[in-house]
């Protein structure tokens, strides 16, 4: 089978105490059963401390948060478990983060999560290249129709190529949303995809308008909010939008193929578009803004579910509003 990964994937190294927003801060950590059992059996002061902070819930075992931080996070910014027992003693969540694995049976894709500051820096500053790959043993027979995956792979490749070829990110996002409707129709009907992103460009002019960016902000304010910093950012957007094509490529690479699970590409592309719009309108340092967005949104399953549902129910995420906002930015960019 083939293992695919971004060009920057192996460049990632945790910067530990130098991290500006540690993953040990504000998040409740899920501890896998095998590691929880080992922690509870540890002797000495570390074992006593772990037993006092591990909590069983209906969904498994978690490391309880104390004063907004993981109780294993030392004052010097390092993890006590890692320092005393080594990397292999970490629970699976901490060993893996921010690395992503998407297993599609006969091929696997790796990635990095935008919610990690160092990963965000690599994602948004590394010149984009198509995923690299290597052949590895293993793989299983996929449980999906190969024709459906072929359609998703082809359309994703077209989307990534188009996104990198244009200098006008809102323009590309508008075409992407229109293209997603055509790809979705091909998935639903089983017919051959006949349209291209280039053929969608001609339609963009029909959607020019002002749009309502305040509705988009209101929608995201209505989701779960983890940090005061996120609420402050949502309440004080920038007057100077900031666009980065790598950001859209990250979202496209991460979410496009996931439509193979439920045949709903459109809600994912609406997420891509609304995420890029929101992050762009928030302005400021694009790496810091995107990282905070990911921490608040991508790492919260309830928020992601609300956005996927809102793609069909929220006035903020209608085609008309998103396309009007994007085409307004197209004109401003030009």
C-alpha atoms as a PDB file:
ATOM      1  CA  UNK A   1       0.000   0.000   0.000  1.00  0.00           C
ATOM      2  CA  UNK A   2       1.016   3.650  -0.306  1.00  0.00           C
ATOM      3  CA  UNK A   3       1.554   6.034   2.596  1.00  0.00           C
ATOM      4  CA  UNK A   4       1.061   9.703   1.662  1.00  0.00           C
ATOM      5  CA  UNK A   5       2.265  12.686   3.680  1.00  0.00           C
ATOM      6  CA  UNK A   6       2.828  16.440   3.227  1.00  0.00           C
ATOM      7  CA  UNK A   7       6.325  17.622   2.316  1.00  0.00           C
ATOM      8  CA  UNK A   8       6.689  19.269   5.731  1.00  0.00           C
ATOM      9  CA  UNK A   9       5.451  16.272   7.740  1.00  0.00           C
ATOM     10  CA  UNK A  10       8.826  14.923   8.850  1.00  0.00           C
ATOM     11  CA  UNK A  11      10.097  18.436   9.600  1.00  0.00           C
ATOM     12  CA  UNK A  12       7.822  18.673  12.634  1.00  0.00           C
ATOM     13  CA  UNK A  13       9.406  18.549  16.074  1.00  0.00           C
ATOM     14  CA  UNK A  14       7.695  19.545  19.298  1.00  0.00           C
ATOM     15  CA  UNK A  15       9.203  22.806  20.575  1.00  0.00           C
ATOM     16  CA  UNK A  16       8.118  21.951  24.126  1.00  0.00           C
ATOM     17  CA  UNK A  17       8.701  24.821  26.565  1.00  0.00           C
ATOM     18  CA  UNK A  18       9.135  27.274  23.670  1.00  0.00           C
ATOM     19  CA  UNK A  19       5.591  26.651  22.416  1.00  0.00           C
ATOM     20  CA  UNK A  20       3.419  29.795  22.591  1.00  0.00           C
ATOM     21  CA  UNK A  21       0.216  27.787  23.181  1.00  0.00           C
ATOM     22  CA  UNK A  22       0.966  24.407  24.668  1.00  0.00           C
ATOM     23  CA  UNK A  23      -1.320  21.451  24.008  1.00  0.00           C
ATOM     24  CA  UNK A  24      -1.122  20.915  27.800  1.00  0.00           C
ATOM     25  CA  UNK A  25      -3.157  24.093  28.243  1.00  0.00           C
ATOM     26  CA  UNK A  26      -6.987  24.126  28.426  1.00  0.00           C
ATOM     27  CA  UNK A  27      -7.609  20.740  26.808  1.00  0.00           C
ATOM     28  CA  UNK A  28      -8.870  17.672  28.669  1.00  0.00           C
ATOM     29  CA  UNK A  29      -6.699  14.747  27.561  1.00  0.00           C
ATOM     30  CA  UNK A  30      -8.294  11.384  26.735  1.00  0.00           C
ATOM     31  CA  UNK A  31      -6.172   8.549  28.142  1.00  0.00           C
ATOM     32  CA  UNK A  32      -6.408   5.208  26.336  1.00  0.00           C
ATOM     33  CA  UNK A  33      -7.327   2.177  28.505  1.00  0.00           C
ATOM     34  CA  UNK A  34      -3.908   0.467  28.247  1.00  0.00           C
ATOM     35  CA  UNK A  35      -2.039   3.591  29.338  1.00  0.00           C
ATOM     36  CA  UNK A  36      -4.561   4.385  32.091  1.00  0.00           C
ATOM     37  CA  UNK A  37      -3.974   0.923  33.537  1.00  0.00           C
ATOM     38  CA  UNK A  38      -0.197   1.460  33.478  1.00  0.00           C
ATOM     39  CA  UNK A  39      -0.502   4.872  35.110  1.00  0.00           C
ATOM     40  CA  UNK A  40      -2.656   3.523  37.918  1.00  0.00           C
ATOM     41  CA  UNK A  41      -0.099   0.780  38.581  1.00  0.00           C
ATOM     42  CA  UNK A  42       2.891   3.139  38.797  1.00  0.00           C
ATOM     43  CA  UNK A  43       4.644   3.270  42.195  1.00  0.00           C
ATOM     44  CA  UNK A  44       5.966   6.375  43.925  1.00  0.00           C
ATOM     45  CA  UNK A  45       5.021  10.038  43.838  1.00  0.00           C
ATOM     46  CA  UNK A  46       4.274  10.120  40.113  1.00  0.00           C
ATOM     47  CA  UNK A  47       1.943   7.143  40.411  1.00  0.00           C
ATOM     48  CA  UNK A  48       0.152   8.729  43.369  1.00  0.00           C
ATOM     49  CA  UNK A  49      -0.260  11.970  41.454  1.00  0.00           C
ATOM     50  CA  UNK A  50      -1.592  10.214  38.350  1.00  0.00           C
ATOM     51  CA  UNK A  51      -4.093   8.187  40.359  1.00  0.00           C
ATOM     52  CA  UNK A  52      -5.410  11.409  41.883  1.00  0.00           C
ATOM     53  CA  UNK A  53      -6.026  13.134  38.537  1.00  0.00           C
ATOM     54  CA  UNK A  54      -7.276  10.287  36.334  1.00  0.00           C
ATOM     55  CA  UNK A  55     -11.044  10.332  36.049  1.00  0.00           C
ATOM     56  CA  UNK A  56     -13.328   7.727  34.514  1.00  0.00           C
ATOM     57  CA  UNK A  57     -16.240   9.047  32.466  1.00  0.00           C
ATOM     58  CA  UNK A  58     -18.940   7.470  30.373  1.00  0.00           C
ATOM     59  CA  UNK A  59     -16.664   7.853  27.347  1.00  0.00           C
ATOM     60  CA  UNK A  60     -13.425   6.585  28.913  1.00  0.00           C
ATOM     61  CA  UNK A  61     -10.639   7.938  31.095  1.00  0.00           C
ATOM     62  CA  UNK A  62      -9.455  11.557  31.067  1.00  0.00           C
ATOM     63  CA  UNK A  63      -6.696  13.546  32.721  1.00  0.00           C
ATOM     64  CA  UNK A  64      -8.564  16.185  34.692  1.00  0.00           C
ATOM     65  CA  UNK A  65      -7.673  19.831  34.153  1.00  0.00           C
ATOM     66  CA  UNK A  66      -6.370  21.844  37.098  1.00  0.00           C
ATOM     67  CA  UNK A  67      -6.307  25.637  36.861  1.00  0.00           C
ATOM     68  CA  UNK A  68      -6.810  25.415  33.115  1.00  0.00           C
ATOM     69  CA  UNK A  69      -3.863  23.105  32.485  1.00  0.00           C
ATOM     70  CA  UNK A  70      -2.869  19.448  32.485  1.00  0.00           C
ATOM     71  CA  UNK A  71      -1.675  18.486  35.968  1.00  0.00           C
ATOM     72  CA  UNK A  72       1.389  16.832  34.411  1.00  0.00           C
ATOM     73  CA  UNK A  73       2.519  20.123  32.826  1.00  0.00           C
ATOM     74  CA  UNK A  74       5.443  21.405  34.874  1.00  0.00           C
ATOM     75  CA  UNK A  75       6.260  25.052  35.527  1.00  0.00           C
ATOM     76  CA  UNK A  76       9.198  24.820  33.111  1.00  0.00           C
ATOM     77  CA  UNK A  77       6.780  24.004  30.275  1.00  0.00           C
ATOM     78  CA  UNK A  78       7.729  20.320  30.060  1.00  0.00           C
ATOM     79  CA  UNK A  79       5.622  17.214  30.683  1.00  0.00           C
ATOM     80  CA  UNK A  80       6.378  15.400  33.930  1.00  0.00           C
ATOM     81  CA  UNK A  81       5.529  11.995  32.420  1.00  0.00           C
ATOM     82  CA  UNK A  82       7.818  12.597  29.455  1.00  0.00           C
ATOM     83  CA  UNK A  83      10.613  13.906  31.680  1.00  0.00           C
ATOM     84  CA  UNK A  84      10.513  11.030  34.165  1.00  0.00           C
ATOM     85  CA  UNK A  85       9.438   8.059  32.037  1.00  0.00           C
ATOM     86  CA  UNK A  86      10.191   9.019  28.425  1.00  0.00           C
ATOM     87  CA  UNK A  87       8.151   9.577  25.269  1.00  0.00           C
ATOM     88  CA  UNK A  88       6.865   6.006  25.044  1.00  0.00           C
ATOM     89  CA  UNK A  89       5.128   6.375  28.421  1.00  0.00           C
ATOM     90  CA  UNK A  90       2.788   9.071  27.101  1.00  0.00           C
ATOM     91  CA  UNK A  91      -0.819   8.170  26.370  1.00  0.00           C
ATOM     92  CA  UNK A  92      -1.759   7.719  22.711  1.00  0.00           C
ATOM     93  CA  UNK A  93      -3.321  11.184  22.492  1.00  0.00           C
ATOM     94  CA  UNK A  94      -0.113  12.871  23.604  1.00  0.00           C
ATOM     95  CA  UNK A  95       2.180  10.577  21.602  1.00  0.00           C
ATOM     96  CA  UNK A  96       0.296  11.239  18.388  1.00  0.00           C
ATOM     97  CA  UNK A  97      -0.574  14.944  18.621  1.00  0.00           C
ATOM     98  CA  UNK A  98      -0.427  16.866  16.327  1.00  0.00           C
ATOM     99  CA  UNK A  99      -0.038  14.013  13.841  1.00  0.00           C
ATOM    100  CA  UNK A 100      -3.092  12.858  11.894  1.00  0.00           C
ATOM    101  CA  UNK A 101      -3.724   9.486  10.259  1.00  0.00           C
ATOM    102  CA  UNK A 102      -6.487   8.853   7.725  1.00  0.00           C
ATOM    103  CA  UNK A 103      -6.710   5.171   6.805  1.00  0.00           C
ATOM    104  CA  UNK A 104      -8.559   4.534   3.541  1.00  0.00           C
ATOM    105  CA  UNK A 105      -7.851   0.802   3.390  1.00  0.00           C
ATOM    106  CA  UNK A 106      -5.525   0.422   0.432  1.00  0.00           C
ATOM    107  CA  UNK A 107      -3.762   3.729   1.141  1.00  0.00           C
ATOM    108  CA  UNK A 108      -3.180   5.950   4.151  1.00  0.00           C
ATOM    109  CA  UNK A 109      -2.642   9.694   4.457  1.00  0.00           C
ATOM    110  CA  UNK A 110      -0.730  11.431   7.239  1.00  0.00           C
ATOM    111  CA  UNK A 111      -0.913  15.067   8.226  1.00  0.00           C
ATOM    112  CA  UNK A 112      -0.432  17.605  10.987  1.00  0.00           C
ATOM    113  CA  UNK A 113      -3.088  19.434  12.976  1.00  0.00           C
ATOM    114  CA  UNK A 114      -3.349  23.169  12.525  1.00  0.00           C
ATOM    115  CA  UNK A 115      -4.138  23.561  16.238  1.00  0.00           C
ATOM    116  CA  UNK A 116      -0.461  23.056  17.128  1.00  0.00           C
ATOM    117  CA  UNK A 117       1.470  26.364  16.751  1.00  0.00           C
ATOM    118  CA  UNK A 118       4.583  24.734  15.303  1.00  0.00           C
ATOM    119  CA  UNK A 119       2.531  22.593  12.928  1.00  0.00           C
ATOM    120  CA  UNK A 120       0.565  25.697  11.900  1.00  0.00           C
ATOM    121  CA  UNK A 121       3.825  27.470  11.097  1.00  0.00           C
ATOM    122  CA  UNK A 122       4.923  24.611   8.842  1.00  0.00           C
ATOM    123  CA  UNK A 123       1.520  24.271   7.156  1.00  0.00           C
ATOM    124  CA  UNK A 124       1.159  27.962   6.331  1.00  0.00           C
ATOM    125  CA  UNK A 125       4.750  28.897   5.467  1.00  0.00           C
ATOM    126  CA  UNK A 126       6.103  25.857   3.615  1.00  0.00           C
ATOM    127  CA  UNK A 127       5.796  26.269  -0.177  1.00  0.00           C
ATOM    128  CA  UNK A 128       3.003  23.938  -1.223  1.00  0.00           C
ATOM    129  CA  UNK A 129       3.866  20.659  -2.925  1.00  0.00           C
ATOM    130  CA  UNK A 130       1.636  17.675  -3.699  1.00  0.00           C
ATOM    131  CA  UNK A 131       1.783  14.938  -1.092  1.00  0.00           C
ATOM    132  CA  UNK A 132       4.819  12.684  -1.116  1.00  0.00           C
ATOM    133  CA  UNK A 133       4.435   8.935  -0.718  1.00  0.00           C
ATOM    134  CA  UNK A 134       6.262   5.738   0.044  1.00  0.00           C
ATOM    135  CA  UNK A 135       5.317   2.101  -0.392  1.00  0.00           C
ATOM    136  CA  UNK A 136       4.833   0.186   2.858  1.00  0.00           C
ATOM    137  CA  UNK A 137       3.594  -3.317   3.700  1.00  0.00           C
ATOM    138  CA  UNK A 138      -0.005  -3.847   4.687  1.00  0.00           C
ATOM    139  CA  UNK A 139      -3.317  -2.409   3.655  1.00  0.00           C
ATOM    140  CA  UNK A 140      -6.807  -3.830   3.557  1.00  0.00           C
ATOM    141  CA  UNK A 141      -9.550  -4.148   0.990  1.00  0.00           C
ATOM    142  CA  UNK A 142     -11.512  -0.865   1.137  1.00  0.00           C
ATOM    143  CA  UNK A 143     -15.206  -1.033   1.963  1.00  0.00           C
ATOM    144  CA  UNK A 144     -16.135   1.735  -0.471  1.00  0.00           C
ATOM    145  CA  UNK A 145     -16.721   1.802  -4.213  1.00  0.00           C
ATOM    146  CA  UNK A 146     -13.366   2.480  -5.931  1.00  0.00           C
ATOM    147  CA  UNK A 147     -15.168   4.679  -8.470  1.00  0.00           C
ATOM    148  CA  UNK A 148     -16.362   6.988  -5.692  1.00  0.00           C
ATOM    149  CA  UNK A 149     -12.854   7.319  -4.290  1.00  0.00           C
ATOM    150  CA  UNK A 150     -11.461   7.877  -7.787  1.00  0.00           C
ATOM    151  CA  UNK A 151     -13.896  10.779  -8.223  1.00  0.00           C
ATOM    152  CA  UNK A 152     -12.891  12.295  -4.887  1.00  0.00           C
ATOM    153  CA  UNK A 153      -9.180  11.888  -5.591  1.00  0.00           C
ATOM    154  CA  UNK A 154      -9.496  13.445  -9.045  1.00  0.00           C
ATOM    155  CA  UNK A 155     -11.617  16.376  -7.887  1.00  0.00           C
ATOM    156  CA  UNK A 156      -9.374  17.026  -4.871  1.00  0.00           C
ATOM    157  CA  UNK A 157      -6.312  17.067  -7.092  1.00  0.00           C
ATOM    158  CA  UNK A 158      -8.034  19.568  -9.377  1.00  0.00           C
ATOM    159  CA  UNK A 159      -9.029  21.712  -6.397  1.00  0.00           C
ATOM    160  CA  UNK A 160      -5.509  21.794  -4.958  1.00  0.00           C
ATOM    161  CA  UNK A 161      -3.945  22.607  -8.317  1.00  0.00           C
ATOM    162  CA  UNK A 162      -6.421  25.425  -8.931  1.00  0.00           C
ATOM    163  CA  UNK A 163      -5.977  26.856  -5.443  1.00  0.00           C
ATOM    164  CA  UNK A 164      -2.242  27.138  -5.868  1.00  0.00           C
ATOM    165  CA  UNK A 165      -2.418  28.505  -9.408  1.00  0.00           C
ATOM    166  CA  UNK A 166      -4.497  31.571  -8.518  1.00  0.00           C
ATOM    167  CA  UNK A 167      -3.271  34.643  -6.699  1.00  0.00           C
ATOM    168  CA  UNK A 168      -6.808  35.575  -5.686  1.00  0.00           C
ATOM    169  CA  UNK A 169      -7.835  33.250  -2.852  1.00  0.00           C
ATOM    170  CA  UNK A 170     -11.480  34.442  -2.532  1.00  0.00           C
ATOM    171  CA  UNK A 171     -11.884  33.961  -6.297  1.00  0.00           C
ATOM    172  CA  UNK A 172     -10.577  30.403  -6.028  1.00  0.00           C
ATOM    173  CA  UNK A 173     -12.810  29.641  -3.033  1.00  0.00           C
ATOM    174  CA  UNK A 174     -15.897  30.863  -4.907  1.00  0.00           C
ATOM    175  CA  UNK A 175     -15.074  28.583  -7.837  1.00  0.00           C
ATOM    176  CA  UNK A 176     -14.384  25.748  -5.383  1.00  0.00           C
ATOM    177  CA  UNK A 177     -17.833  26.019  -3.827  1.00  0.00           C
ATOM    178  CA  UNK A 178     -19.534  25.925  -7.218  1.00  0.00           C
ATOM    179  CA  UNK A 179     -17.334  23.001  -8.280  1.00  0.00           C
ATOM    180  CA  UNK A 180     -18.268  21.110  -5.096  1.00  0.00           C
ATOM    181  CA  UNK A 181     -21.917  21.151  -6.179  1.00  0.00           C
ATOM    182  CA  UNK A 182     -20.965  19.509  -9.475  1.00  0.00           C
ATOM    183  CA  UNK A 183     -18.802  16.887  -7.773  1.00  0.00           C
ATOM    184  CA  UNK A 184     -21.574  16.188  -5.264  1.00  0.00           C
ATOM    185  CA  UNK A 185     -24.064  15.745  -8.115  1.00  0.00           C
ATOM    186  CA  UNK A 186     -21.708  13.288  -9.815  1.00  0.00           C
ATOM    187  CA  UNK A 187     -21.357  11.316  -6.568  1.00  0.00           C
ATOM    188  CA  UNK A 188     -25.119  11.230  -6.057  1.00  0.00           C
ATOM    189  CA  UNK A 189     -25.944  10.208  -9.625  1.00  0.00           C
ATOM    190  CA  UNK A 190     -22.993   7.960 -10.394  1.00  0.00           C
ATOM    191  CA  UNK A 191     -22.461   9.872 -13.624  1.00  0.00           C
ATOM    192  CA  UNK A 192     -19.107  11.064 -14.938  1.00  0.00           C
ATOM    193  CA  UNK A 193     -18.005  14.490 -13.704  1.00  0.00           C
ATOM    194  CA  UNK A 194     -18.127  16.765 -16.730  1.00  0.00           C
ATOM    195  CA  UNK A 195     -17.420  20.177 -15.221  1.00  0.00           C
ATOM    196  CA  UNK A 196     -14.070  21.665 -14.241  1.00  0.00           C
ATOM    197  CA  UNK A 197     -13.075  24.459 -11.943  1.00  0.00           C
ATOM    198  CA  UNK A 198     -12.375  26.566 -15.004  1.00  0.00           C
ATOM    199  CA  UNK A 199     -15.954  26.055 -16.197  1.00  0.00           C
ATOM    200  CA  UNK A 200     -17.214  27.266 -12.812  1.00  0.00           C
ATOM    201  CA  UNK A 201     -15.368  30.570 -13.133  1.00  0.00           C
ATOM    202  CA  UNK A 202     -17.924  31.934 -15.600  1.00  0.00           C
ATOM    203  CA  UNK A 203     -20.665  31.496 -12.997  1.00  0.00           C
ATOM    204  CA  UNK A 204     -18.951  33.576 -10.314  1.00  0.00           C
ATOM    205  CA  UNK A 205     -20.111  36.911 -11.703  1.00  0.00           C
ATOM    206  CA  UNK A 206     -23.759  35.926 -11.138  1.00  0.00           C
ATOM    207  CA  UNK A 207     -23.256  35.918  -7.369  1.00  0.00           C
ATOM    208  CA  UNK A 208     -21.718  39.338  -6.850  1.00  0.00           C
ATOM    209  CA  UNK A 209     -23.114  41.161  -3.840  1.00  0.00           C
ATOM    210  CA  UNK A 210     -22.238  42.420  -0.401  1.00  0.00           C
ATOM    211  CA  UNK A 211     -23.066  39.351   1.655  1.00  0.00           C
ATOM    212  CA  UNK A 212     -23.405  39.396   5.435  1.00  0.00           C
ATOM    213  CA  UNK A 213     -20.130  38.677   7.218  1.00  0.00           C
ATOM    214  CA  UNK A 214     -21.742  39.566  10.555  1.00  0.00           C
ATOM    215  CA  UNK A 215     -23.995  36.506  10.140  1.00  0.00           C
ATOM    216  CA  UNK A 216     -20.900  34.324   9.794  1.00  0.00           C
ATOM    217  CA  UNK A 217     -19.430  35.797  12.970  1.00  0.00           C
ATOM    218  CA  UNK A 218     -22.735  35.332  14.795  1.00  0.00           C
ATOM    219  CA  UNK A 219     -22.835  31.698  13.710  1.00  0.00           C
ATOM    220  CA  UNK A 220     -19.363  31.002  15.093  1.00  0.00           C
ATOM    221  CA  UNK A 221     -20.118  32.949  18.293  1.00  0.00           C
ATOM    222  CA  UNK A 222     -22.988  30.517  18.827  1.00  0.00           C
ATOM    223  CA  UNK A 223     -20.653  27.501  18.916  1.00  0.00           C
ATOM    224  CA  UNK A 224     -18.828  26.252  21.994  1.00  0.00           C
ATOM    225  CA  UNK A 225     -16.011  28.621  22.965  1.00  0.00           C
ATOM    226  CA  UNK A 226     -12.977  27.270  24.798  1.00  0.00           C
ATOM    227  CA  UNK A 227     -10.836  30.340  25.449  1.00  0.00           C
ATOM    228  CA  UNK A 228     -11.457  34.039  26.215  1.00  0.00           C
ATOM    229  CA  UNK A 229      -8.998  34.870  23.415  1.00  0.00           C
ATOM    230  CA  UNK A 230     -11.310  33.319  20.810  1.00  0.00           C
ATOM    231  CA  UNK A 231     -14.320  35.289  22.014  1.00  0.00           C
ATOM    232  CA  UNK A 232     -12.271  38.482  21.913  1.00  0.00           C
ATOM    233  CA  UNK A 233     -11.158  37.767  18.355  1.00  0.00           C
ATOM    234  CA  UNK A 234     -14.718  37.055  17.202  1.00  0.00           C
ATOM    235  CA  UNK A 235     -15.906  40.289  18.788  1.00  0.00           C
ATOM    236  CA  UNK A 236     -13.176  42.434  17.187  1.00  0.00           C
ATOM    237  CA  UNK A 237     -12.482  41.338  13.593  1.00  0.00           C
ATOM    238  CA  UNK A 238      -9.922  43.123  11.472  1.00  0.00           C
ATOM    239  CA  UNK A 239     -10.799  45.611   8.754  1.00  0.00           C
ATOM    240  CA  UNK A 240      -7.999  44.132   6.608  1.00  0.00           C
ATOM    241  CA  UNK A 241      -8.729  40.516   5.547  1.00  0.00           C
ATOM    242  CA  UNK A 242      -5.740  38.198   5.329  1.00  0.00           C
ATOM    243  CA  UNK A 243      -5.693  35.351   2.765  1.00  0.00           C
ATOM    244  CA  UNK A 244      -3.353  32.362   2.547  1.00  0.00           C
ATOM    245  CA  UNK A 245      -3.736  29.658  -0.161  1.00  0.00           C
ATOM    246  CA  UNK A 246      -1.920  27.103   1.999  1.00  0.00           C
ATOM    247  CA  UNK A 247      -4.731  27.363   4.541  1.00  0.00           C
ATOM    248  CA  UNK A 248      -7.331  26.289   1.988  1.00  0.00           C
ATOM    249  CA  UNK A 249      -5.041  23.500   0.766  1.00  0.00           C
ATOM    250  CA  UNK A 250      -4.673  22.198   4.323  1.00  0.00           C
ATOM    251  CA  UNK A 251      -8.450  22.009   4.766  1.00  0.00           C
ATOM    252  CA  UNK A 252      -8.959  20.467   1.316  1.00  0.00           C
ATOM    253  CA  UNK A 253      -6.312  17.791   1.904  1.00  0.00           C
ATOM    254  CA  UNK A 254      -7.703  16.952   5.343  1.00  0.00           C
ATOM    255  CA  UNK A 255     -11.440  16.853   4.685  1.00  0.00           C
ATOM    256  CA  UNK A 256     -12.172  16.224   0.988  1.00  0.00           C
ATOM    257  CA  UNK A 257     -11.683  12.460   0.977  1.00  0.00           C
ATOM    258  CA  UNK A 258     -13.619  12.038   4.223  1.00  0.00           C
ATOM    259  CA  UNK A 259     -16.757  12.392   2.115  1.00  0.00           C
ATOM    260  CA  UNK A 260     -16.240   8.732   1.200  1.00  0.00           C
ATOM    261  CA  UNK A 261     -17.739   7.878   4.615  1.00  0.00           C
ATOM    262  CA  UNK A 262     -21.126   9.541   4.121  1.00  0.00           C
ATOM    263  CA  UNK A 263     -21.126  10.862   0.516  1.00  0.00           C
ATOM    264  CA  UNK A 264     -21.460  14.436   1.764  1.00  0.00           C
ATOM    265  CA  UNK A 265     -18.722  16.477   0.134  1.00  0.00           C
ATOM    266  CA  UNK A 266     -20.707  19.707  -0.005  1.00  0.00           C
ATOM    267  CA  UNK A 267     -20.916  20.267   3.754  1.00  0.00           C
ATOM    268  CA  UNK A 268     -17.150  19.769   3.999  1.00  0.00           C
ATOM    269  CA  UNK A 269     -16.409  22.242   1.226  1.00  0.00           C
ATOM    270  CA  UNK A 270     -18.724  24.755   2.898  1.00  0.00           C
ATOM    271  CA  UNK A 271     -16.671  24.236   6.026  1.00  0.00           C
ATOM    272  CA  UNK A 272     -13.474  24.893   4.039  1.00  0.00           C
ATOM    273  CA  UNK A 273     -14.913  28.072   2.559  1.00  0.00           C
ATOM    274  CA  UNK A 274     -16.423  29.422   5.787  1.00  0.00           C
ATOM    275  CA  UNK A 275     -13.241  28.612   7.741  1.00  0.00           C
ATOM    276  CA  UNK A 276     -11.069  30.483   5.246  1.00  0.00           C
ATOM    277  CA  UNK A 277     -13.518  33.400   5.222  1.00  0.00           C
ATOM    278  CA  UNK A 278     -13.637  33.629   9.002  1.00  0.00           C
ATOM    279  CA  UNK A 279      -9.877  33.338   9.473  1.00  0.00           C
ATOM    280  CA  UNK A 280      -9.321  35.824   6.662  1.00  0.00           C
ATOM    281  CA  UNK A 281     -11.720  38.393   8.158  1.00  0.00           C
ATOM    282  CA  UNK A 282     -10.272  37.946  11.649  1.00  0.00           C
ATOM    283  CA  UNK A 283      -6.998  39.217  10.207  1.00  0.00           C
ATOM    284  CA  UNK A 284      -3.903  39.643  12.343  1.00  0.00           C
ATOM    285  CA  UNK A 285      -1.102  37.117  12.294  1.00  0.00           C
ATOM    286  CA  UNK A 286      -2.429  34.365  10.011  1.00  0.00           C
ATOM    287  CA  UNK A 287      -0.545  31.594  11.824  1.00  0.00           C
ATOM    288  CA  UNK A 288      -1.827  32.606  15.260  1.00  0.00           C
ATOM    289  CA  UNK A 289      -5.376  33.151  13.999  1.00  0.00           C
ATOM    290  CA  UNK A 290      -5.564  29.848  12.111  1.00  0.00           C
ATOM    291  CA  UNK A 291      -4.067  27.934  15.024  1.00  0.00           C
ATOM    292  CA  UNK A 292      -6.602  29.389  17.460  1.00  0.00           C
ATOM    293  CA  UNK A 293      -9.458  28.647  15.042  1.00  0.00           C
ATOM    294  CA  UNK A 294      -8.342  25.033  14.779  1.00  0.00           C
ATOM    295  CA  UNK A 295      -8.023  24.661  18.534  1.00  0.00           C
ATOM    296  CA  UNK A 296     -11.539  26.014  19.034  1.00  0.00           C
ATOM    297  CA  UNK A 297     -13.259  24.398  16.063  1.00  0.00           C
ATOM    298  CA  UNK A 298     -11.425  21.418  14.560  1.00  0.00           C
ATOM    299  CA  UNK A 299     -10.588  19.895  17.937  1.00  0.00           C
ATOM    300  CA  UNK A 300     -14.190  20.136  19.145  1.00  0.00           C
ATOM    301  CA  UNK A 301     -16.349  17.390  17.585  1.00  0.00           C
ATOM    302  CA  UNK A 302     -19.546  19.160  18.643  1.00  0.00           C
ATOM    303  CA  UNK A 303     -18.488  22.336  16.840  1.00  0.00           C
ATOM    304  CA  UNK A 304     -17.568  20.427  13.693  1.00  0.00           C
ATOM    305  CA  UNK A 305     -20.915  18.629  13.719  1.00  0.00           C
ATOM    306  CA  UNK A 306     -22.710  21.962  14.164  1.00  0.00           C
ATOM    307  CA  UNK A 307     -20.903  23.430  11.144  1.00  0.00           C
ATOM    308  CA  UNK A 308     -21.639  20.421   8.930  1.00  0.00           C
ATOM    309  CA  UNK A 309     -25.306  20.678   9.909  1.00  0.00           C
ATOM    310  CA  UNK A 310     -25.263  24.459   9.564  1.00  0.00           C
ATOM    311  CA  UNK A 311     -24.040  24.096   5.992  1.00  0.00           C
ATOM    312  CA  UNK A 312     -27.667  23.215   5.134  1.00  0.00           C
ATOM    313  CA  UNK A 313     -29.601  25.096   7.827  1.00  0.00           C
ATOM    314  CA  UNK A 314     -27.817  28.352   8.725  1.00  0.00           C
ATOM    315  CA  UNK A 315     -28.485  31.563   6.744  1.00  0.00           C
ATOM    316  CA  UNK A 316     -24.829  32.466   7.339  1.00  0.00           C
ATOM    317  CA  UNK A 317     -23.615  29.422   5.376  1.00  0.00           C
ATOM    318  CA  UNK A 318     -25.933  29.526   2.391  1.00  0.00           C
ATOM    319  CA  UNK A 319     -24.370  29.487  -1.055  1.00  0.00           C
ATOM    320  CA  UNK A 320     -25.800  32.952  -1.673  1.00  0.00           C
ATOM    321  CA  UNK A 321     -24.145  34.505   1.377  1.00  0.00           C
ATOM    322  CA  UNK A 322     -20.793  32.756   1.040  1.00  0.00           C
ATOM    323  CA  UNK A 323     -20.528  33.457  -2.681  1.00  0.00           C
ATOM    324  CA  UNK A 324     -21.555  37.092  -2.241  1.00  0.00           C
ATOM    325  CA  UNK A 325     -18.839  37.560   0.398  1.00  0.00           C
ATOM    326  CA  UNK A 326     -16.250  35.840  -1.759  1.00  0.00           C
ATOM    327  CA  UNK A 327     -17.106  37.706  -4.950  1.00  0.00           C
ATOM    328  CA  UNK A 328     -16.972  41.000  -3.053  1.00  0.00           C
ATOM    329  CA  UNK A 329     -13.457  40.058  -1.971  1.00  0.00           C
ATOM    330  CA  UNK A 330     -12.652  39.023  -5.558  1.00  0.00           C
ATOM    331  CA  UNK A 331     -13.417  42.565  -6.683  1.00  0.00           C
ATOM    332  CA  UNK A 332     -11.484  44.071  -3.763  1.00  0.00           C
ATOM    333  CA  UNK A 333      -8.466  41.853  -4.509  1.00  0.00           C
ATOM    334  CA  UNK A 334      -8.513  42.907  -8.148  1.00  0.00           C
END
